């Protein structure tokens, strides 16, 4: 894990503040890809460093990669290294809010479906 990823990871762990049921792993291989972080085995968080992601070809490869990962059922969240460097807690808070909202929406849909089954 590089310095920027460590900043995000530390901020994300602080943001979780002991919430149960949410796990984060770093540098996980998914097929041909290695992702920066995976949360609950379904949310991928990528931190894009400027050096690697600055060319058009590299950004296009990222978009293709995101589509393939989404096709496999993952939700992909991306932050720039600059965003994380300057505001790691803001990025962690945004990622946590998105993940919790998506989990809550799924839970609510499951509950609604269960209520309809009699």
C-alpha atoms as a PDB file:
ATOM      1  CA  UNK A   1       0.000   0.000   0.000  1.00  0.00           C
ATOM      2  CA  UNK A   2       1.443   3.362  -0.942  1.00  0.00           C
ATOM      3  CA  UNK A   3       1.267   6.541   1.163  1.00  0.00           C
ATOM      4  CA  UNK A   4      -1.922   7.896  -0.435  1.00  0.00           C
ATOM      5  CA  UNK A   5      -3.700   4.550  -0.146  1.00  0.00           C
ATOM      6  CA  UNK A   6      -2.621   4.352   3.505  1.00  0.00           C
ATOM      7  CA  UNK A   7      -4.112   7.805   4.139  1.00  0.00           C
ATOM      8  CA  UNK A   8      -7.407   6.687   2.654  1.00  0.00           C
ATOM      9  CA  UNK A   9      -7.375   3.374   4.509  1.00  0.00           C
ATOM     10  CA  UNK A  10      -6.712   5.035   7.878  1.00  0.00           C
ATOM     11  CA  UNK A  11      -9.446   7.612   7.271  1.00  0.00           C
ATOM     12  CA  UNK A  12     -11.906   4.928   6.137  1.00  0.00           C
ATOM     13  CA  UNK A  13     -11.264   2.822   9.241  1.00  0.00           C
ATOM     14  CA  UNK A  14     -11.796   5.922  11.406  1.00  0.00           C
ATOM     15  CA  UNK A  15     -14.990   6.748   9.503  1.00  0.00           C
ATOM     16  CA  UNK A  16     -16.376   3.251  10.079  1.00  0.00           C
ATOM     17  CA  UNK A  17     -15.989   3.887  13.805  1.00  0.00           C
ATOM     18  CA  UNK A  18     -16.666   0.302  14.805  1.00  0.00           C
ATOM     19  CA  UNK A  19     -19.649  -0.295  12.498  1.00  0.00           C
ATOM     20  CA  UNK A  20     -20.222  -4.005  12.308  1.00  0.00           C
ATOM     21  CA  UNK A  21     -20.580  -5.885   9.078  1.00  0.00           C
ATOM     22  CA  UNK A  22     -18.257  -3.743   6.997  1.00  0.00           C
ATOM     23  CA  UNK A  23     -14.861  -5.101   6.049  1.00  0.00           C
ATOM     24  CA  UNK A  24     -12.137  -3.614   3.902  1.00  0.00           C
ATOM     25  CA  UNK A  25      -9.235  -5.427   2.285  1.00  0.00           C
ATOM     26  CA  UNK A  26      -6.411  -3.887   0.304  1.00  0.00           C
ATOM     27  CA  UNK A  27      -4.634  -5.025  -2.866  1.00  0.00           C
ATOM     28  CA  UNK A  28      -7.101  -7.754  -3.821  1.00  0.00           C
ATOM     29  CA  UNK A  29      -6.878  -9.699  -7.082  1.00  0.00           C
ATOM     30  CA  UNK A  30     -10.110 -10.020  -9.029  1.00  0.00           C
ATOM     31  CA  UNK A  31      -9.544 -11.938 -12.219  1.00  0.00           C
ATOM     32  CA  UNK A  32      -6.834 -10.156 -14.167  1.00  0.00           C
ATOM     33  CA  UNK A  33      -7.098  -7.021 -12.027  1.00  0.00           C
ATOM     34  CA  UNK A  34      -5.666  -5.965  -8.710  1.00  0.00           C
ATOM     35  CA  UNK A  35      -7.900  -3.444  -6.964  1.00  0.00           C
ATOM     36  CA  UNK A  36      -6.749  -0.990  -4.324  1.00  0.00           C
ATOM     37  CA  UNK A  37      -9.531  -1.824  -1.859  1.00  0.00           C
ATOM     38  CA  UNK A  38     -12.599  -4.008  -1.700  1.00  0.00           C
ATOM     39  CA  UNK A  39     -15.337  -3.451   0.871  1.00  0.00           C
ATOM     40  CA  UNK A  40     -17.654  -6.340   1.796  1.00  0.00           C
ATOM     41  CA  UNK A  41     -16.465  -8.190  -1.310  1.00  0.00           C
ATOM     42  CA  UNK A  42     -18.698  -6.018  -3.497  1.00  0.00           C
ATOM     43  CA  UNK A  43     -17.549  -2.390  -3.433  1.00  0.00           C
ATOM     44  CA  UNK A  44     -14.240  -1.572  -5.101  1.00  0.00           C
ATOM     45  CA  UNK A  45     -12.425   1.625  -4.186  1.00  0.00           C
ATOM     46  CA  UNK A  46      -9.655   2.811  -6.471  1.00  0.00           C
ATOM     47  CA  UNK A  47      -7.233   5.629  -5.750  1.00  0.00           C
ATOM     48  CA  UNK A  48      -5.834   7.052  -8.978  1.00  0.00           C
ATOM     49  CA  UNK A  49      -2.314   8.387  -8.669  1.00  0.00           C
ATOM     50  CA  UNK A  50      -1.445  11.141 -11.131  1.00  0.00           C
ATOM     51  CA  UNK A  51       1.615   9.446 -12.615  1.00  0.00           C
ATOM     52  CA  UNK A  52      -0.169   6.281 -13.678  1.00  0.00           C
ATOM     53  CA  UNK A  53      -3.553   7.733 -14.604  1.00  0.00           C
ATOM     54  CA  UNK A  54      -2.561  10.913 -16.430  1.00  0.00           C
ATOM     55  CA  UNK A  55      -2.670   9.810 -20.077  1.00  0.00           C
ATOM     56  CA  UNK A  56      -5.788   9.356 -22.181  1.00  0.00           C
ATOM     57  CA  UNK A  57      -4.897   5.710 -22.835  1.00  0.00           C
ATOM     58  CA  UNK A  58      -4.568   4.995 -19.120  1.00  0.00           C
ATOM     59  CA  UNK A  59      -7.864   6.682 -18.329  1.00  0.00           C
ATOM     60  CA  UNK A  60      -9.588   4.724 -21.126  1.00  0.00           C
ATOM     61  CA  UNK A  61      -8.136   1.505 -19.701  1.00  0.00           C
ATOM     62  CA  UNK A  62      -9.583   2.502 -16.292  1.00  0.00           C
ATOM     63  CA  UNK A  63     -13.045   3.004 -17.815  1.00  0.00           C
ATOM     64  CA  UNK A  64     -12.859  -0.389 -19.541  1.00  0.00           C
ATOM     65  CA  UNK A  65     -11.685  -2.004 -16.313  1.00  0.00           C
ATOM     66  CA  UNK A  66     -14.545  -0.376 -14.371  1.00  0.00           C
ATOM     67  CA  UNK A  67     -17.115  -1.683 -16.873  1.00  0.00           C
ATOM     68  CA  UNK A  68     -15.727  -5.208 -16.646  1.00  0.00           C
ATOM     69  CA  UNK A  69     -15.745  -5.121 -12.846  1.00  0.00           C
ATOM     70  CA  UNK A  70     -19.290  -3.711 -12.856  1.00  0.00           C
ATOM     71  CA  UNK A  71     -20.340  -6.513 -15.208  1.00  0.00           C
ATOM     72  CA  UNK A  72     -19.053  -8.945 -12.566  1.00  0.00           C
ATOM     73  CA  UNK A  73     -21.386  -7.281 -10.044  1.00  0.00           C
ATOM     74  CA  UNK A  74     -19.023  -4.870  -8.284  1.00  0.00           C
ATOM     75  CA  UNK A  75     -19.688  -1.211  -7.584  1.00  0.00           C
ATOM     76  CA  UNK A  76     -16.582   0.841  -8.374  1.00  0.00           C
ATOM     77  CA  UNK A  77     -15.748   4.109  -6.618  1.00  0.00           C
ATOM     78  CA  UNK A  78     -12.755   6.168  -7.800  1.00  0.00           C
ATOM     79  CA  UNK A  79     -10.901   8.989  -6.116  1.00  0.00           C
ATOM     80  CA  UNK A  80      -7.903  10.868  -7.413  1.00  0.00           C
ATOM     81  CA  UNK A  81      -4.708  10.700  -5.432  1.00  0.00           C
ATOM     82  CA  UNK A  82      -4.859  14.485  -5.115  1.00  0.00           C
ATOM     83  CA  UNK A  83      -8.331  14.322  -3.547  1.00  0.00           C
ATOM     84  CA  UNK A  84      -7.171  11.749  -1.022  1.00  0.00           C
ATOM     85  CA  UNK A  85      -3.914  13.541  -0.287  1.00  0.00           C
ATOM     86  CA  UNK A  86      -5.657  16.848   0.502  1.00  0.00           C
ATOM     87  CA  UNK A  87      -8.839  15.492   2.114  1.00  0.00           C
ATOM     88  CA  UNK A  88      -8.584  11.805   3.062  1.00  0.00           C
ATOM     89  CA  UNK A  89     -11.375  12.049   5.628  1.00  0.00           C
ATOM     90  CA  UNK A  90     -13.735  13.711   3.175  1.00  0.00           C
ATOM     91  CA  UNK A  91     -13.066  10.941   0.618  1.00  0.00           C
ATOM     92  CA  UNK A  92     -13.543   8.248   3.271  1.00  0.00           C
ATOM     93  CA  UNK A  93     -16.761   9.890   4.449  1.00  0.00           C
ATOM     94  CA  UNK A  94     -18.081  10.066   0.876  1.00  0.00           C
ATOM     95  CA  UNK A  95     -17.190   6.412   0.182  1.00  0.00           C
ATOM     96  CA  UNK A  96     -18.750   5.284   3.453  1.00  0.00           C
ATOM     97  CA  UNK A  97     -21.943   7.258   2.782  1.00  0.00           C
ATOM     98  CA  UNK A  98     -22.308   5.766  -0.707  1.00  0.00           C
ATOM     99  CA  UNK A  99     -21.689   2.222   0.524  1.00  0.00           C
ATOM    100  CA  UNK A 100     -24.070   2.552   3.471  1.00  0.00           C
ATOM    101  CA  UNK A 101     -26.767   4.074   1.238  1.00  0.00           C
ATOM    102  CA  UNK A 102     -26.470   1.213  -1.257  1.00  0.00           C
ATOM    103  CA  UNK A 103     -26.548  -1.396   1.501  1.00  0.00           C
ATOM    104  CA  UNK A 104     -29.551   0.317   3.112  1.00  0.00           C
ATOM    105  CA  UNK A 105     -31.410   0.474  -0.220  1.00  0.00           C
ATOM    106  CA  UNK A 106     -30.807  -3.234  -0.781  1.00  0.00           C
ATOM    107  CA  UNK A 107     -31.962  -4.063   2.749  1.00  0.00           C
ATOM    108  CA  UNK A 108     -35.111  -1.997   2.266  1.00  0.00           C
ATOM    109  CA  UNK A 109     -35.905  -3.712  -1.045  1.00  0.00           C
ATOM    110  CA  UNK A 110     -35.387  -7.122   0.556  1.00  0.00           C
ATOM    111  CA  UNK A 111     -37.707  -6.171   3.426  1.00  0.00           C
ATOM    112  CA  UNK A 112     -40.366  -4.921   1.010  1.00  0.00           C
ATOM    113  CA  UNK A 113     -40.108  -8.143  -0.979  1.00  0.00           C
ATOM    114  CA  UNK A 114     -40.409 -10.233   2.213  1.00  0.00           C
ATOM    115  CA  UNK A 115     -43.538  -8.321   3.236  1.00  0.00           C
ATOM    116  CA  UNK A 116     -45.204  -9.094  -0.088  1.00  0.00           C
ATOM    117  CA  UNK A 117     -44.645 -12.833   0.247  1.00  0.00           C
ATOM    118  CA  UNK A 118     -47.485 -14.297   2.304  1.00  0.00           C
END
